[in-house]
């Protein structure tokens, strides 16, 4: 733990993100009545784990800890009051967390002029974060406008988030299987932006590797 405080170890962040992928898929097997709650608490635990990877940045660490604390509070309040608005609050806070971490990790690993295992792991983590950001955006979109995306998209939050995570990474990698597709202009814009981001991301990573190779 002490070693992790002295340097950004993005392996922890990557492990936490992969854990969130697995958790999101597993929780779809539970009844909707408590599957989202399981997803919330497990995600919050994994977010705490991810902070080990960015422990060096004190200001970011404190801000993200506060953000996670508010997420935990909203989860507890939703369990007590059963108000569905807290699900929106949780999702928006999760989105804010991922956007903040994406900025933090991006400035650490992209176009830095050097490459090591930690930088490569951070690049993988950032790619996963980008996929999660769009997955949350898609999930929020279909909760407000169910007709925005066509295909096998469930109405309940847990399955919708899992399906939109799949759709997000398919779009980010520009695979485009076609089983799920946007049907409204806003959804189409989100898909276009994610596809362009996915293509440019690989270009930036390759540029970082070439730049590091020239300086060696």
Protein backbone atom coordinates (compact mmCIF):
# COMPACT_ATOMS: atom_id res chain seq x y z
CA UNK A 1 0.00 0.00 0.00
CA UNK A 2 2.83 2.37 0.87
CA UNK A 3 4.48 1.70 -2.49
CA UNK A 4 1.23 2.52 -4.24
CA UNK A 5 1.18 5.90 -2.51
CA UNK A 6 4.55 6.83 -3.98
CA UNK A 7 3.61 6.24 -7.58
CA UNK A 8 0.51 5.92 -9.68
CA UNK A 9 0.01 2.17 -10.05
CA UNK A 10 -2.67 1.88 -12.67
CA UNK A 11 -2.85 -1.89 -12.33
CA UNK A 12 -5.25 -1.39 -9.41
CA UNK A 13 -7.44 0.88 -11.47
CA UNK A 14 -7.47 -1.62 -14.34
CA UNK A 15 -8.35 -4.50 -12.02
CA UNK A 16 -11.20 -2.47 -10.52
CA UNK A 17 -12.58 -1.63 -13.97
CA UNK A 18 -12.46 -5.24 -15.11
CA UNK A 19 -14.18 -6.16 -11.86
CA UNK A 20 -16.95 -3.70 -12.68
CA UNK A 21 -17.41 -5.32 -16.08
CA UNK A 22 -17.76 -8.74 -14.50
CA UNK A 23 -20.01 -7.47 -11.69
CA UNK A 24 -22.32 -5.75 -14.15
CA UNK A 25 -22.78 -8.99 -16.06
CA UNK A 26 -23.27 -11.18 -12.97
CA UNK A 27 -25.85 -8.91 -11.30
CA UNK A 28 -28.19 -9.27 -14.28
CA UNK A 29 -28.87 -12.81 -13.05
CA UNK A 30 -30.47 -11.48 -9.85
CA UNK A 31 -34.03 -10.14 -9.49
CA UNK A 32 -34.38 -6.45 -10.29
CA UNK A 33 -35.58 -5.74 -6.75
CA UNK A 34 -32.05 -5.89 -5.37
CA UNK A 35 -29.75 -6.42 -8.38
CA UNK A 36 -29.13 -2.70 -8.84
CA UNK A 37 -28.40 -2.34 -5.14
CA UNK A 38 -25.82 -5.13 -5.40
CA UNK A 39 -24.34 -3.37 -8.40
CA UNK A 40 -24.19 -0.06 -6.53
CA UNK A 41 -22.40 -1.38 -3.45
CA UNK A 42 -20.00 -3.58 -5.41
CA UNK A 43 -19.18 -0.70 -7.77
CA UNK A 44 -18.51 1.64 -4.86
CA UNK A 45 -16.17 -0.96 -3.32
CA UNK A 46 -14.32 -1.28 -6.63
CA UNK A 47 -14.09 2.50 -6.94
CA UNK A 48 -12.37 2.62 -3.56
CA UNK A 49 -9.93 -0.01 -4.88
CA UNK A 50 -9.30 2.08 -8.00
CA UNK A 51 -8.18 5.01 -5.83
CA UNK A 52 -5.07 3.04 -4.87
CA UNK A 53 -3.89 3.52 -8.44
CA UNK A 54 -4.11 7.32 -8.24
CA UNK A 55 -3.13 7.72 -4.60
CA UNK A 56 -0.24 10.04 -5.44
CA UNK A 57 -2.53 12.91 -6.51
CA UNK A 58 -3.69 14.23 -3.14
CA UNK A 59 -6.18 16.84 -4.36
CA UNK A 60 -7.81 14.41 -6.77
CA UNK A 61 -7.80 11.72 -4.11
CA UNK A 62 -9.73 13.87 -1.62
CA UNK A 63 -12.22 15.06 -4.26
CA UNK A 64 -12.88 11.53 -5.52
CA UNK A 65 -13.23 10.20 -1.97
CA UNK A 66 -15.89 12.83 -1.32
CA UNK A 67 -17.60 11.90 -4.58
CA UNK A 68 -17.63 8.20 -3.67
CA UNK A 69 -18.93 9.09 -0.21
CA UNK A 70 -21.88 10.96 -1.74
CA UNK A 71 -22.53 7.98 -4.02
CA UNK A 72 -22.64 5.70 -0.98
CA UNK A 73 -24.99 8.09 0.80
CA UNK A 74 -27.35 8.22 -2.20
CA UNK A 75 -27.34 4.42 -2.35
CA UNK A 76 -28.23 4.14 1.34
CA UNK A 77 -30.98 6.75 1.01
CA UNK A 78 -32.45 4.97 -1.99
CA UNK A 79 -32.55 1.75 0.00
CA UNK A 80 -34.36 3.53 2.84
CA UNK A 81 -36.78 5.67 0.83
CA UNK A 82 -37.05 3.52 -2.32
CA UNK A 83 -37.11 6.72 -4.39
CA UNK A 84 -35.98 5.98 -7.92
CA UNK A 85 -34.53 9.47 -8.33
CA UNK A 86 -31.52 8.31 -6.31
CA UNK A 87 -30.67 5.94 -9.16
CA UNK A 88 -30.24 8.95 -11.43
CA UNK A 89 -28.12 10.65 -8.77
CA UNK A 90 -25.94 7.56 -8.48
CA UNK A 91 -25.48 7.30 -12.25
CA UNK A 92 -24.62 11.00 -12.63
CA UNK A 93 -22.11 10.75 -9.78
CA UNK A 94 -20.59 7.63 -11.35
CA UNK A 95 -20.33 9.52 -14.63
CA UNK A 96 -18.61 12.42 -12.87
CA UNK A 97 -16.17 9.97 -11.25
CA UNK A 98 -15.22 8.36 -14.54
CA UNK A 99 -14.83 11.70 -16.34
CA UNK A 100 -12.56 12.98 -13.54
CA UNK A 101 -10.44 9.83 -13.52
CA UNK A 102 -10.25 9.85 -17.33
CA UNK A 103 -8.79 13.36 -17.21
CA UNK A 104 -6.35 12.42 -14.46
CA UNK A 105 -5.16 9.20 -16.12
CA UNK A 106 -5.10 10.72 -19.61
CA UNK A 107 -2.67 13.47 -18.71
CA UNK A 108 -0.44 10.88 -17.01
CA UNK A 109 -0.24 8.27 -19.74
CA UNK A 110 -0.78 9.94 -23.13
CA UNK A 111 2.01 11.73 -25.01
CA UNK A 112 4.28 11.61 -21.96
CA UNK A 113 7.45 10.87 -23.94
CA UNK A 114 8.18 7.61 -22.15
CA UNK A 115 6.55 4.20 -21.84
CA UNK A 116 6.76 1.54 -19.16
CA UNK A 117 4.46 -1.20 -17.92
CA UNK A 118 2.60 1.23 -15.67
CA UNK A 119 1.94 3.60 -18.59
CA UNK A 120 0.69 0.74 -20.76
CA UNK A 121 -1.60 -0.45 -17.97
CA UNK A 122 -2.86 3.11 -17.54
CA UNK A 123 -3.63 3.28 -21.26
CA UNK A 124 -5.74 0.13 -20.94
CA UNK A 125 -7.51 1.57 -17.91
CA UNK A 126 -8.26 4.81 -19.75
CA UNK A 127 -9.73 2.88 -22.68
CA UNK A 128 -12.01 0.98 -20.31
CA UNK A 129 -13.03 4.23 -18.62
CA UNK A 130 -14.03 5.74 -21.97
CA UNK A 131 -16.24 2.73 -22.62
CA UNK A 132 -17.89 3.11 -19.21
CA UNK A 133 -18.50 6.83 -19.73
CA UNK A 134 -20.49 6.23 -22.90
CA UNK A 135 -22.26 3.23 -21.34
CA UNK A 136 -23.61 5.49 -18.60
CA UNK A 137 -24.62 8.13 -21.14
CA UNK A 138 -26.50 5.52 -23.19
CA UNK A 139 -28.18 4.14 -20.07
CA UNK A 140 -29.35 7.57 -18.94
CA UNK A 141 -30.53 8.30 -22.47
CA UNK A 142 -32.74 5.23 -22.79
CA UNK A 143 -34.16 5.77 -19.31
CA UNK A 144 -35.37 9.20 -20.42
CA UNK A 145 -36.09 8.28 -24.06
CA UNK A 146 -36.68 4.51 -24.37
CA UNK A 147 -37.03 4.76 -28.16
CA UNK A 148 -33.56 6.30 -28.59
CA UNK A 149 -31.85 2.94 -29.09
CA UNK A 150 -33.39 -0.13 -30.72
CA UNK A 151 -32.55 -3.74 -30.04
CA UNK A 152 -32.62 -6.12 -27.06
CA UNK A 153 -32.52 -3.36 -24.44
CA UNK A 154 -34.21 -4.14 -21.11
CA UNK A 155 -36.20 -1.55 -19.19
CA UNK A 156 -34.72 -2.25 -15.75
CA UNK A 157 -31.58 -0.36 -14.80
CA UNK A 158 -29.24 -3.27 -14.18
CA UNK A 159 -29.80 -5.10 -17.46
CA UNK A 160 -29.93 -1.81 -19.36
CA UNK A 161 -26.54 -0.76 -17.98
CA UNK A 162 -25.06 -4.17 -18.78
CA UNK A 163 -26.42 -4.08 -22.33
CA UNK A 164 -25.32 -0.50 -22.88
CA UNK A 165 -21.84 -1.39 -21.62
CA UNK A 166 -21.68 -4.09 -24.29
CA UNK A 167 -23.00 -1.65 -26.91
CA UNK A 168 -20.54 1.02 -25.79
CA UNK A 169 -17.46 -1.15 -26.19
CA UNK A 170 -18.69 -2.53 -29.51
CA UNK A 171 -19.04 1.07 -30.69
CA UNK A 172 -15.73 2.21 -29.17
CA UNK A 173 -13.89 -0.55 -31.02
CA UNK A 174 -15.95 0.22 -34.19
CA UNK A 175 -17.04 -3.42 -34.48
CA UNK A 176 -20.66 -2.52 -35.13
CA UNK A 177 -22.45 -5.88 -34.85
CA UNK A 178 -25.77 -4.24 -35.63
CA UNK A 179 -27.87 -6.02 -32.99
CA UNK A 180 -28.31 -2.69 -31.18
CA UNK A 181 -28.48 0.62 -33.00
CA UNK A 182 -29.38 4.29 -32.40
CA UNK A 183 -32.73 5.52 -33.69
CA UNK A 184 -32.80 9.20 -32.69
CA UNK A 185 -30.48 12.07 -33.69
CA UNK A 186 -29.14 12.47 -30.13
CA UNK A 187 -28.31 8.79 -29.86
CA UNK A 188 -26.66 8.87 -33.27
CA UNK A 189 -24.49 11.81 -32.21
CA UNK A 190 -23.34 9.95 -29.10
CA UNK A 191 -22.48 6.88 -31.18
CA UNK A 192 -20.54 8.97 -33.72
CA UNK A 193 -18.57 10.73 -30.99
CA UNK A 194 -17.67 7.45 -29.32
CA UNK A 195 -16.59 5.81 -32.57
CA UNK A 196 -14.39 8.80 -33.45
CA UNK A 197 -12.94 8.78 -29.93
CA UNK A 198 -12.10 5.10 -30.24
CA UNK A 199 -10.24 5.60 -33.51
CA UNK A 200 -8.31 8.66 -32.35
CA UNK A 201 -7.42 6.98 -29.07
CA UNK A 202 -5.43 4.28 -30.82
CA UNK A 203 -3.72 6.95 -32.95
CA UNK A 204 -2.68 8.85 -29.82
CA UNK A 205 -1.39 5.70 -28.11
CA UNK A 206 0.69 4.79 -31.17
CA UNK A 207 2.04 8.35 -31.29
CA UNK A 208 3.07 8.04 -27.64
CA UNK A 209 4.93 4.80 -28.33
CA UNK A 210 6.73 6.27 -31.36
CA UNK A 211 7.67 9.40 -29.41
CA UNK A 212 9.06 7.33 -26.54
CA UNK A 213 11.02 5.12 -28.95
CA UNK A 214 12.69 8.15 -30.59
CA UNK A 215 13.83 9.55 -27.25
CA UNK A 216 15.48 6.30 -26.19
